[in-house]
PDB file of all heavy atoms in Angstrom:
ATOM      1  N   ASP A   1     115.379 101.049  89.357  1.00  0.00           N
ATOM      2  CA  ASP A   1     114.998 102.068  88.383  1.00  0.00           C
ATOM      3  C   ASP A   1     114.280 103.220  89.076  1.00  0.00           C
ATOM      4  O   ASP A   1     113.475 103.010  89.991  1.00  0.00           O
ATOM      5  CB  ASP A   1     114.087 101.476  87.308  1.00  0.00           C
ATOM      6  CG  ASP A   1     114.867 100.845  86.174  1.00  0.00           C
ATOM      7  OD1 ASP A   1     116.055 100.572  86.385  1.00  0.00           O
ATOM      8  OD2 ASP A   1     114.282 100.633  85.100  1.00  0.00           O
ATOM      9  N   THR A   2     114.538 104.426  88.635  1.00  0.00           N
ATOM     10  CA  THR A   2     113.905 105.609  89.211  1.00  0.00           C
ATOM     11  C   THR A   2     112.546 105.826  88.576  1.00  0.00           C
ATOM     12  O   THR A   2     112.393 105.789  87.353  1.00  0.00           O
ATOM     13  CB  THR A   2     114.782 106.845  88.998  1.00  0.00           C
ATOM     14  OG1 THR A   2     116.010 106.674  89.713  1.00  0.00           O
ATOM     15  CG2 THR A   2     114.086 108.102  89.504  1.00  0.00           C
ATOM     16  N   ILE A   3     111.557 106.040  89.413  1.00  0.00           N
ATOM     17  CA  ILE A   3     110.204 106.355  88.964  1.00  0.00           C
ATOM     18  C   ILE A   3     109.901 107.781  89.395  1.00  0.00           C
ATOM     19  O   ILE A   3     110.091 108.145  90.559  1.00  0.00           O
ATOM     20  CB  ILE A   3     109.187 105.376  89.571  1.00  0.00           C
ATOM     21  CG1 ILE A   3     109.494 103.954  89.112  1.00  0.00           C
ATOM     22  CG2 ILE A   3     107.761 105.760  89.186  1.00  0.00           C
ATOM     23  CD1 ILE A   3     108.701 102.891  89.827  1.00  0.00           C
ATOM     24  N   THR A   4     109.448 108.586  88.465  1.00  0.00           N
ATOM     25  CA  THR A   4     109.138 109.979  88.751  1.00  0.00           C
ATOM     26  C   THR A   4     107.627 110.147  88.839  1.00  0.00           C
ATOM     27  O   THR A   4     106.899 109.844  87.890  1.00  0.00           O
ATOM     28  CB  THR A   4     109.708 110.904  87.670  1.00  0.00           C
ATOM     29  OG1 THR A   4     111.127 110.729  87.607  1.00  0.00           O
ATOM     30  CG2 THR A   4     109.396 112.360  87.987  1.00  0.00           C
ATOM     31  N   SER A   5     107.148 110.599  89.983  1.00  0.00           N
ATOM     32  CA  SER A   5     105.730 110.873  90.168  1.00  0.00           C
ATOM     33  C   SER A   5     105.523 112.380  90.244  1.00  0.00           C
ATOM     34  O   SER A   5     106.459 113.167  90.027  1.00  0.00           O
ATOM     35  CB  SER A   5     105.224 110.194  91.446  1.00  0.00           C
ATOM     36  OG  SER A   5     105.829 110.776  92.591  1.00  0.00           O
ATOM     37  N   GLU A   6     104.319 112.802  90.566  1.00  0.00           N
ATOM     38  CA  GLU A   6     104.025 114.227  90.575  1.00  0.00           C
ATOM     39  C   GLU A   6     104.848 114.981  91.619  1.00  0.00           C
ATOM     40  O   GLU A   6     105.217 116.140  91.408  1.00  0.00           O
ATOM     41  CB  GLU A   6     102.534 114.456  90.844  1.00  0.00           C
ATOM     42  CG  GLU A   6     101.627 114.013  89.709  1.00  0.00           C
ATOM     43  CD  GLU A   6     100.160 114.185  90.050  1.00  0.00           C
ATOM     44  OE1 GLU A   6      99.857 114.729  91.137  1.00  0.00           O
ATOM     45  OE2 GLU A   6      99.307 113.792  89.232  1.00  0.00           O
ATOM     46  N   GLN A   7     105.114 114.325  92.751  1.00  0.00           N
ATOM     47  CA  GLN A   7     105.754 115.039  93.850  1.00  0.00           C
ATOM     48  C   GLN A   7     107.052 114.405  94.342  1.00  0.00           C
ATOM     49  O   GLN A   7     107.716 114.984  95.201  1.00  0.00           O
ATOM     50  CB  GLN A   7     104.769 115.172  95.027  1.00  0.00           C
ATOM     51  CG  GLN A   7     103.554 116.036  94.721  1.00  0.00           C
ATOM     52  CD  GLN A   7     102.700 116.261  95.957  1.00  0.00           C
ATOM     53  OE1 GLN A   7     102.883 115.618  96.980  1.00  0.00           O
ATOM     54  NE2 GLN A   7     101.752 117.167  95.848  1.00  0.00           N
ATOM     55  N   ALA A   8     107.389 113.243  93.873  1.00  0.00           N
ATOM     56  CA  ALA A   8     108.573 112.572  94.402  1.00  0.00           C
ATOM     57  C   ALA A   8     109.143 111.632  93.355  1.00  0.00           C
ATOM     58  O   ALA A   8     108.448 111.194  92.432  1.00  0.00           O
ATOM     59  CB  ALA A   8     108.224 111.794  95.671  1.00  0.00           C
ATOM     60  N   THR A   9     110.420 111.319  93.497  1.00  0.00           N
ATOM     61  CA  THR A   9     111.042 110.259  92.714  1.00  0.00           C
ATOM     62  C   THR A   9     111.405 109.129  93.666  1.00  0.00           C
ATOM     63  O   THR A   9     111.814 109.353  94.804  1.00  0.00           O
ATOM     64  CB  THR A   9     112.292 110.751  91.986  1.00  0.00           C
ATOM     65  OG1 THR A   9     113.222 111.268  92.942  1.00  0.00           O
ATOM     66  CG2 THR A   9     111.948 111.832  90.977  1.00  0.00           C
ATOM     67  N   PHE A  10     111.223 107.898  93.207  1.00  0.00           N
ATOM     68  CA  PHE A  10     111.422 106.754  94.091  1.00  0.00           C
ATOM     69  C   PHE A  10     111.806 105.531  93.287  1.00  0.00           C
ATOM     70  O   PHE A  10     111.751 105.514  92.058  1.00  0.00           O
ATOM     71  CB  PHE A  10     110.148 106.485  94.908  1.00  0.00           C
ATOM     72  CG  PHE A  10     108.934 106.155  94.088  1.00  0.00           C
ATOM     73  CD1 PHE A  10     108.633 104.838  93.730  1.00  0.00           C
ATOM     74  CD2 PHE A  10     108.055 107.160  93.665  1.00  0.00           C
ATOM     75  CE1 PHE A  10     107.510 104.525  92.985  1.00  0.00           C
ATOM     76  CE2 PHE A  10     106.927 106.863  92.920  1.00  0.00           C
ATOM     77  CZ  PHE A  10     106.655 105.545  92.578  1.00  0.00           C
ATOM     78  N   ARG A  11     112.174 104.481  94.017  1.00  0.00           N
ATOM     79  CA  ARG A  11     112.412 103.187  93.409  1.00  0.00           C
ATOM     80  C   ARG A  11     111.661 102.133  94.214  1.00  0.00           C
ATOM     81  O   ARG A  11     111.324 102.359  95.378  1.00  0.00           O
ATOM     82  CB  ARG A  11     113.904 102.863  93.380  1.00  0.00           C
ATOM     83  CG  ARG A  11     114.550 102.681  94.731  1.00  0.00           C
ATOM     84  CD  ARG A  11     116.040 102.353  94.604  1.00  0.00           C
ATOM     85  NE  ARG A  11     116.631 102.054  95.904  1.00  0.00           N
ATOM     86  CZ  ARG A  11     117.165 102.962  96.713  1.00  0.00           C
ATOM     87  NH1 ARG A  11     117.174 104.239  96.353  1.00  0.00           N
ATOM     88  NH2 ARG A  11     117.688 102.607  97.870  1.00  0.00           N
ATOM     89  N   VAL A  12     111.401 101.002  93.586  1.00  0.00           N
ATOM     90  CA  VAL A  12     110.712  99.884  94.237  1.00  0.00           C
ATOM     91  C   VAL A  12     111.711  98.782  94.501  1.00  0.00           C
ATOM     92  O   VAL A  12     112.463  98.379  93.594  1.00  0.00           O
ATOM     93  CB  VAL A  12     109.546  99.367  93.377  1.00  0.00           C
ATOM     94  CG1 VAL A  12     108.899  98.146  94.029  1.00  0.00           C
ATOM     95  CG2 VAL A  12     108.510 100.456  93.166  1.00  0.00           C
ATOM     96  N   GLU A  13     111.744  98.290  95.736  1.00  0.00           N
ATOM     97  CA  GLU A  13     112.676  97.234  96.117  1.00  0.00           C
ATOM     98  C   GLU A  13     111.895  96.018  96.620  1.00  0.00           C
ATOM     99  O   GLU A  13     110.948  96.172  97.391  1.00  0.00           O
ATOM    100  CB  GLU A  13     113.599  97.722  97.233  1.00  0.00           C
ATOM    101  CG  GLU A  13     114.420  98.941  96.853  1.00  0.00           C
ATOM    102  CD  GLU A  13     115.191  99.515  98.029  1.00  0.00           C
ATOM    103  OE1 GLU A  13     114.838  99.202  99.191  1.00  0.00           O
ATOM    104  OE2 GLU A  13     116.134 100.281  97.790  1.00  0.00           O
ATOM    105  N   LEU A  14     112.285  94.843  96.169  1.00  0.00           N
ATOM    106  CA  LEU A  14     111.709  93.611  96.679  1.00  0.00           C
ATOM    107  C   LEU A  14     112.376  93.262  97.997  1.00  0.00           C
ATOM    108  O   LEU A  14     113.596  93.089  98.061  1.00  0.00           O
ATOM    109  CB  LEU A  14     111.890  92.473  95.680  1.00  0.00           C
ATOM    110  CG  LEU A  14     111.408  91.088  96.144  1.00  0.00           C
ATOM    111  CD1 LEU A  14     109.895  91.073  96.316  1.00  0.00           C
ATOM    112  CD2 LEU A  14     111.850  90.007  95.154  1.00  0.00           C
ATOM    113  N   VAL A  15     111.584  93.139  99.052  1.00  0.00           N
ATOM    114  CA  VAL A  15     112.106  92.721 100.351  1.00  0.00           C
ATOM    115  C   VAL A  15     112.148  91.198 100.428  1.00  0.00           C
ATOM    116  O   VAL A  15     113.151  90.599 100.767  1.00  0.00           O
ATOM    117  CB  VAL A  15     111.263  93.299 101.501  1.00  0.00           C
ATOM    118  CG1 VAL A  15     111.799  92.839 102.860  1.00  0.00           C
ATOM    119  CG2 VAL A  15     111.234  94.822 101.425  1.00  0.00           C
ATOM    120  N   THR A  16     111.019  90.573 100.101  1.00  0.00           N
ATOM    121  CA  THR A  16     110.965  89.112 100.072  1.00  0.00           C
ATOM    122  C   THR A  16     109.787  88.671  99.223  1.00  0.00           C
ATOM    123  O   THR A  16     108.781  89.378  99.112  1.00  0.00           O
ATOM    124  CB  THR A  16     110.840  88.513 101.481  1.00  0.00           C
ATOM    125  OG1 THR A  16     110.949  87.076 101.398  1.00  0.00           O
ATOM    126  CG2 THR A  16     109.518  88.853 102.131  1.00  0.00           C
ATOM    127  N   ASP A  17     109.912  87.516  98.609  1.00  0.00           N
ATOM    128  CA  ASP A  17     108.777  86.887  97.947  1.00  0.00           C
ATOM    129  C   ASP A  17     108.457  85.604  98.699  1.00  0.00           C
ATOM    130  O   ASP A  17     108.867  85.420  99.844  1.00  0.00           O
ATOM    131  CB  ASP A  17     109.047  86.658  96.464  1.00  0.00           C
ATOM    132  CG  ASP A  17     110.339  85.884  96.208  1.00  0.00           C
ATOM    133  OD1 ASP A  17     110.903  85.333  97.176  1.00  0.00           O
ATOM    134  OD2 ASP A  17     110.771  85.821  95.046  1.00  0.00           O
ATOM    135  N   GLY A  18     107.717  84.694  98.063  1.00  0.00           N
ATOM    136  CA  GLY A  18     107.412  83.419  98.705  1.00  0.00           C
ATOM    137  C   GLY A  18     106.280  83.477  99.705  1.00  0.00           C
ATOM    138  O   GLY A  18     106.126  82.562 100.522  1.00  0.00           O
ATOM    139  N   LEU A  19     105.451  84.523  99.646  1.00  0.00           N
ATOM    140  CA  LEU A  19     104.290  84.646 100.531  1.00  0.00           C
ATOM    141  C   LEU A  19     103.039  84.196  99.776  1.00  0.00           C
ATOM    142  O   LEU A  19     102.793  84.641  98.650  1.00  0.00           O
ATOM    143  CB  LEU A  19     104.124  86.092 100.990  1.00  0.00           C
ATOM    144  CG  LEU A  19     105.249  86.639 101.872  1.00  0.00           C
ATOM    145  CD1 LEU A  19     105.206  88.159 101.900  1.00  0.00           C
ATOM    146  CD2 LEU A  19     105.119  86.077 103.288  1.00  0.00           C
ATOM    147  N   GLU A  20     102.254  83.325 100.381  1.00  0.00           N
ATOM    148  CA  GLU A  20     101.071  82.782  99.715  1.00  0.00           C
ATOM    149  C   GLU A  20      99.840  83.615 100.076  1.00  0.00           C
ATOM    150  O   GLU A  20      99.332  83.559 101.185  1.00  0.00           O
ATOM    151  CB  GLU A  20     100.842  81.326 100.119  1.00  0.00           C
ATOM    152  CG  GLU A  20      99.693  80.678  99.351  1.00  0.00           C
ATOM    153  CD  GLU A  20      99.553  79.203  99.673  1.00  0.00           C
ATOM    154  OE1 GLU A  20     100.482  78.622 100.268  1.00  0.00           O
ATOM    155  OE2 GLU A  20      98.499  78.627  99.324  1.00  0.00           O
ATOM    156  N   PHE A  21      99.382  84.416  99.120  1.00  0.00           N
ATOM    157  CA  PHE A  21      98.242  85.312  99.305  1.00  0.00           C
ATOM    158  C   PHE A  21      98.345  86.078 100.632  1.00  0.00           C
ATOM    159  O   PHE A  21      97.494  85.950 101.510  1.00  0.00           O
ATOM    160  CB  PHE A  21      96.923  84.551  99.233  1.00  0.00           C
ATOM    161  CG  PHE A  21      96.609  84.007  97.866  1.00  0.00           C
ATOM    162  CD1 PHE A  21      96.630  82.646  97.627  1.00  0.00           C
ATOM    163  CD2 PHE A  21      96.313  84.860  96.813  1.00  0.00           C
ATOM    164  CE1 PHE A  21      96.355  82.138  96.361  1.00  0.00           C
ATOM    165  CE2 PHE A  21      96.031  84.372  95.546  1.00  0.00           C
ATOM    166  CZ  PHE A  21      96.052  83.006  95.322  1.00  0.00           C
ATOM    167  N   PRO A  22      99.377  86.891 100.792  1.00  0.00           N
ATOM    168  CA  PRO A  22      99.474  87.688 102.026  1.00  0.00           C
ATOM    169  C   PRO A  22      98.339  88.696 102.102  1.00  0.00           C
ATOM    170  O   PRO A  22      97.857  89.195 101.078  1.00  0.00           O
ATOM    171  CB  PRO A  22     100.835  88.373 101.886  1.00  0.00           C
ATOM    172  CG  PRO A  22     101.069  88.458 100.410  1.00  0.00           C
ATOM    173  CD  PRO A  22     100.462  87.210  99.846  1.00  0.00           C
ATOM    174  N   TRP A  23      97.913  89.035 103.338  1.00  0.00           N
ATOM    175  CA  TRP A  23      96.746  89.901 103.511  1.00  0.00           C
ATOM    176  C   TRP A  23      97.041  91.136 104.365  1.00  0.00           C
ATOM    177  O   TRP A  23      96.618  92.227 104.051  1.00  0.00           O
ATOM    178  CB  TRP A  23      95.604  89.099 104.133  1.00  0.00           C
ATOM    179  CG  TRP A  23      94.244  89.577 103.747  1.00  0.00           C
ATOM    180  CD1 TRP A  23      93.477  89.126 102.697  1.00  0.00           C
ATOM    181  CD2 TRP A  23      93.461  90.587 104.397  1.00  0.00           C
ATOM    182  NE1 TRP A  23      92.267  89.799 102.658  1.00  0.00           N
ATOM    183  CE2 TRP A  23      92.235  90.688 103.691  1.00  0.00           C
ATOM    184  CE3 TRP A  23      93.662  91.408 105.495  1.00  0.00           C
ATOM    185  CZ2 TRP A  23      91.227  91.591 104.049  1.00  0.00           C
ATOM    186  CZ3 TRP A  23      92.662  92.304 105.861  1.00  0.00           C
ATOM    187  CH2 TRP A  23      91.458  92.392 105.143  1.00  0.00           C
ATOM    188  N   GLY A  24      97.734  90.963 105.474  1.00  0.00           N
ATOM    189  CA  GLY A  24      97.981  92.094 106.364  1.00  0.00           C
ATOM    190  C   GLY A  24      99.389  92.041 106.924  1.00  0.00           C
ATOM    191  O   GLY A  24     100.052  90.998 106.911  1.00  0.00           O
ATOM    192  N   MET A  25      99.853  93.183 107.438  1.00  0.00           N
ATOM    193  CA  MET A  25     101.201  93.237 108.018  1.00  0.00           C
ATOM    194  C   MET A  25     101.223  94.225 109.170  1.00  0.00           C
ATOM    195  O   MET A  25     100.426  95.165 109.230  1.00  0.00           O
ATOM    196  CB  MET A  25     102.240  93.616 106.962  1.00  0.00           C
ATOM    197  CG  MET A  25     101.970  94.903 106.223  1.00  0.00           C
ATOM    198  SD  MET A  25     103.263  95.252 104.987  1.00  0.00           S
ATOM    199  CE  MET A  25     102.338  96.293 103.833  1.00  0.00           C
ATOM    200  N   ALA A  26     102.152  93.992 110.080  1.00  0.00           N
ATOM    201  CA  ALA A  26     102.344  94.875 111.231  1.00  0.00           C
ATOM    202  C   ALA A  26     103.821  94.877 111.586  1.00  0.00           C
ATOM    203  O   ALA A  26     104.499  93.843 111.501  1.00  0.00           O
ATOM    204  CB  ALA A  26     101.507  94.412 112.416  1.00  0.00           C
ATOM    205  N   PHE A  27     104.310  96.028 112.000  1.00  0.00           N
ATOM    206  CA  PHE A  27     105.712  96.170 112.378  1.00  0.00           C
ATOM    207  C   PHE A  27     105.874  95.997 113.882  1.00  0.00           C
ATOM    208  O   PHE A  27     105.097  96.544 114.675  1.00  0.00           O
ATOM    209  CB  PHE A  27     106.240  97.547 111.977  1.00  0.00           C
ATOM    210  CG  PHE A  27     106.397  97.721 110.496  1.00  0.00           C
ATOM    211  CD1 PHE A  27     105.351  98.198 109.726  1.00  0.00           C
ATOM    212  CD2 PHE A  27     107.584  97.388 109.871  1.00  0.00           C
ATOM    213  CE1 PHE A  27     105.485  98.357 108.355  1.00  0.00           C
ATOM    214  CE2 PHE A  27     107.732  97.534 108.497  1.00  0.00           C
ATOM    215  CZ  PHE A  27     106.675  98.022 107.737  1.00  0.00           C
ATOM    216  N   LEU A  28     106.884  95.236 114.268  1.00  0.00           N
ATOM    217  CA  LEU A  28     107.242  95.076 115.665  1.00  0.00           C
ATOM    218  C   LEU A  28     108.207  96.191 116.081  1.00  0.00           C
ATOM    219  O   LEU A  28     108.845  96.816 115.223  1.00  0.00           O
ATOM    220  CB  LEU A  28     107.874  93.706 115.886  1.00  0.00           C
ATOM    221  CG  LEU A  28     106.979  92.510 115.536  1.00  0.00           C
ATOM    222  CD1 LEU A  28     107.757  91.207 115.678  1.00  0.00           C
ATOM    223  CD2 LEU A  28     105.725  92.495 116.387  1.00  0.00           C
ATOM    224  N   PRO A  29     108.333  96.457 117.370  1.00  0.00           N
ATOM    225  CA  PRO A  29     109.199  97.559 117.806  1.00  0.00           C
ATOM    226  C   PRO A  29     110.649  97.449 117.346  1.00  0.00           C
ATOM    227  O   PRO A  29     111.326  98.469 117.177  1.00  0.00           O
ATOM    228  CB  PRO A  29     109.097  97.486 119.339  1.00  0.00           C
ATOM    229  CG  PRO A  29     107.763  96.868 119.600  1.00  0.00           C
ATOM    230  CD  PRO A  29     107.581  95.875 118.497  1.00  0.00           C
ATOM    231  N   ASP A  30     111.132  96.223 117.129  1.00  0.00           N
ATOM    232  CA  ASP A  30     112.524  96.059 116.706  1.00  0.00           C
ATOM    233  C   ASP A  30     112.704  96.154 115.196  1.00  0.00           C
ATOM    234  O   ASP A  30     113.811  95.941 114.681  1.00  0.00           O
ATOM    235  CB  ASP A  30     113.090  94.737 117.216  1.00  0.00           C
ATOM    236  CG  ASP A  30     112.341  93.516 116.664  1.00  0.00           C
ATOM    237  OD1 ASP A  30     111.409  93.698 115.844  1.00  0.00           O
ATOM    238  OD2 ASP A  30     112.677  92.388 117.066  1.00  0.00           O
ATOM    239  N   GLY A  31     111.618  96.464 114.462  1.00  0.00           N
ATOM    240  CA  GLY A  31     111.691  96.585 113.015  1.00  0.00           C
ATOM    241  C   GLY A  31     111.329  95.333 112.265  1.00  0.00           C
ATOM    242  O   GLY A  31     111.170  95.369 111.034  1.00  0.00           O
ATOM    243  N   ASP A  32     111.218  94.187 112.951  1.00  0.00           N
ATOM    244  CA  ASP A  32     110.724  92.976 112.298  1.00  0.00           C
ATOM    245  C   ASP A  32     109.253  93.162 111.914  1.00  0.00           C
ATOM    246  O   ASP A  32     108.580  94.080 112.398  1.00  0.00           O
ATOM    247  CB  ASP A  32     110.868  91.767 113.219  1.00  0.00           C
ATOM    248  CG  ASP A  32     112.314  91.341 113.394  1.00  0.00           C
ATOM    249  OD1 ASP A  32     113.187  91.870 112.679  1.00  0.00           O
ATOM    250  OD2 ASP A  32     112.581  90.489 114.268  1.00  0.00           O
ATOM    251  N   MET A  33     108.751  92.256 111.077  1.00  0.00           N
ATOM    252  CA  MET A  33     107.378  92.370 110.589  1.00  0.00           C
ATOM    253  C   MET A  33     106.633  91.054 110.773  1.00  0.00           C
ATOM    254  O   MET A  33     107.210  89.973 110.630  1.00  0.00           O
ATOM    255  CB  MET A  33     107.365  92.729 109.101  1.00  0.00           C
ATOM    256  CG  MET A  33     107.966  94.051 108.752  1.00  0.00           C
ATOM    257  SD  MET A  33     107.945  94.313 106.962  1.00  0.00           S
ATOM    258  CE  MET A  33     106.183  94.401 106.654  1.00  0.00           C
ATOM    259  N   LEU A  34     105.346  91.187 111.052  1.00  0.00           N
ATOM    260  CA  LEU A  34     104.421  90.062 111.016  1.00  0.00           C
ATOM    261  C   LEU A  34     103.553  90.202 109.765  1.00  0.00           C
ATOM    262  O   LEU A  34     103.054  91.289 109.476  1.00  0.00           O
ATOM    263  CB  LEU A  34     103.533  90.036 112.260  1.00  0.00           C
ATOM    264  CG  LEU A  34     104.247  89.871 113.601  1.00  0.00           C
ATOM    265  CD1 LEU A  34     103.235  89.968 114.741  1.00  0.00           C
ATOM    266  CD2 LEU A  34     105.002  88.550 113.660  1.00  0.00           C
ATOM    267  N   ILE A  35     103.379  89.106 109.046  1.00  0.00           N
ATOM    268  CA  ILE A  35     102.567  89.098 107.829  1.00  0.00           C
ATOM    269  C   ILE A  35     101.627  87.904 107.886  1.00  0.00           C
ATOM    270  O   ILE A  35     102.043  86.784 108.202  1.00  0.00           O
ATOM    271  CB  ILE A  35     103.445  89.022 106.561  1.00  0.00           C
ATOM    272  CG1 ILE A  35     104.325  90.276 106.449  1.00  0.00           C
ATOM    273  CG2 ILE A  35     102.586  88.860 105.311  1.00  0.00           C
ATOM    274  CD1 ILE A  35     105.267  90.248 105.264  1.00  0.00           C
ATOM    275  N   THR A  36     100.355  88.135 107.591  1.00  0.00           N
ATOM    276  CA  THR A  36      99.391  87.041 107.522  1.00  0.00           C
ATOM    277  C   THR A  36      99.307  86.493 106.109  1.00  0.00           C
ATOM    278  O   THR A  36      99.425  87.237 105.131  1.00  0.00           O
ATOM    279  CB  THR A  36      97.985  87.506 107.934  1.00  0.00           C
ATOM    280  OG1 THR A  36      97.564  88.600 107.085  1.00  0.00           O
ATOM    281  CG2 THR A  36      97.964  87.958 109.386  1.00  0.00           C
ATOM    282  N   GLU A  37      99.135  85.186 106.007  1.00  0.00           N
ATOM    283  CA  GLU A  37      98.797  84.536 104.751  1.00  0.00           C
ATOM    284  C   GLU A  37      97.377  83.994 104.882  1.00  0.00           C
ATOM    285  O   GLU A  37      97.035  83.378 105.892  1.00  0.00           O
ATOM    286  CB  GLU A  37      99.765  83.399 104.442  1.00  0.00           C
ATOM    287  CG  GLU A  37     101.184  83.883 104.156  1.00  0.00           C
ATOM    288  CD  GLU A  37     102.138  82.724 103.911  1.00  0.00           C
ATOM    289  OE1 GLU A  37     102.087  81.740 104.675  1.00  0.00           O
ATOM    290  OE2 GLU A  37     102.924  82.805 102.957  1.00  0.00           O
ATOM    291  N   ARG A  38      96.575  84.233 103.852  1.00  0.00           N
ATOM    292  CA  ARG A  38      95.144  83.968 103.969  1.00  0.00           C
ATOM    293  C   ARG A  38      94.829  82.514 104.315  1.00  0.00           C
ATOM    294  O   ARG A  38      93.812  82.219 104.960  1.00  0.00           O
ATOM    295  CB  ARG A  38      94.432  84.385 102.681  1.00  0.00           C
ATOM    296  CG  ARG A  38      92.927  84.517 102.841  1.00  0.00           C
ATOM    297  CD  ARG A  38      92.297  85.300 101.711  1.00  0.00           C
ATOM    298  NE  ARG A  38      92.608  84.754 100.412  1.00  0.00           N
ATOM    299  CZ  ARG A  38      93.139  85.465  99.423  1.00  0.00           C
ATOM    300  NH1 ARG A  38      93.453  86.723  99.600  1.00  0.00           N
ATOM    301  NH2 ARG A  38      93.359  84.909  98.243  1.00  0.00           N
ATOM    302  N   ASP A  39      95.684  81.591 103.938  1.00  0.00           N
ATOM    303  CA  ASP A  39      95.400  80.186 104.183  1.00  0.00           C
ATOM    304  C   ASP A  39      95.562  79.797 105.645  1.00  0.00           C
ATOM    305  O   ASP A  39      95.218  78.683 106.029  1.00  0.00           O
ATOM    306  CB  ASP A  39      96.305  79.312 103.299  1.00  0.00           C
ATOM    307  CG  ASP A  39      95.661  77.978 102.976  1.00  0.00           C
ATOM    308  OD1 ASP A  39      94.428  77.936 102.835  1.00  0.00           O
ATOM    309  OD2 ASP A  39      96.389  76.980 102.870  1.00  0.00           O
ATOM    310  N   GLY A  40      96.113  80.691 106.481  1.00  0.00           N
ATOM    311  CA  GLY A  40      96.153  80.404 107.911  1.00  0.00           C
ATOM    312  C   GLY A  40      97.504  80.481 108.571  1.00  0.00           C
ATOM    313  O   GLY A  40      97.663  80.019 109.696  1.00  0.00           O
ATOM    314  N   ARG A  41      98.492  81.062 107.890  1.00  0.00           N
ATOM    315  CA  ARG A  41      99.832  81.149 108.463  1.00  0.00           C
ATOM    316  C   ARG A  41     100.177  82.589 108.834  1.00  0.00           C
ATOM    317  O   ARG A  41      99.824  83.524 108.111  1.00  0.00           O
ATOM    318  CB  ARG A  41     100.879  80.613 107.484  1.00  0.00           C
ATOM    319  CG  ARG A  41     100.844  79.102 107.289  1.00  0.00           C
ATOM    320  CD  ARG A  41     101.792  78.668 106.184  1.00  0.00           C
ATOM    321  NE  ARG A  41     101.342  79.186 104.900  1.00  0.00           N
ATOM    322  CZ  ARG A  41     100.470  78.573 104.108  1.00  0.00           C
ATOM    323  NH1 ARG A  41      99.948  77.417 104.482  1.00  0.00           N
ATOM    324  NH2 ARG A  41     100.111  79.097 102.965  1.00  0.00           N
TER     325      ARG A  41
END
């Protein structure tokens, strides 16, 4: 669905679910991502 804001129109896409209380993320040079889960993963 298109969302219209003050300066741009955009849509929201789900990349993945199944993360337990994720806290932080970082991108690797190849485009992969690291994501922390608060419980220790």
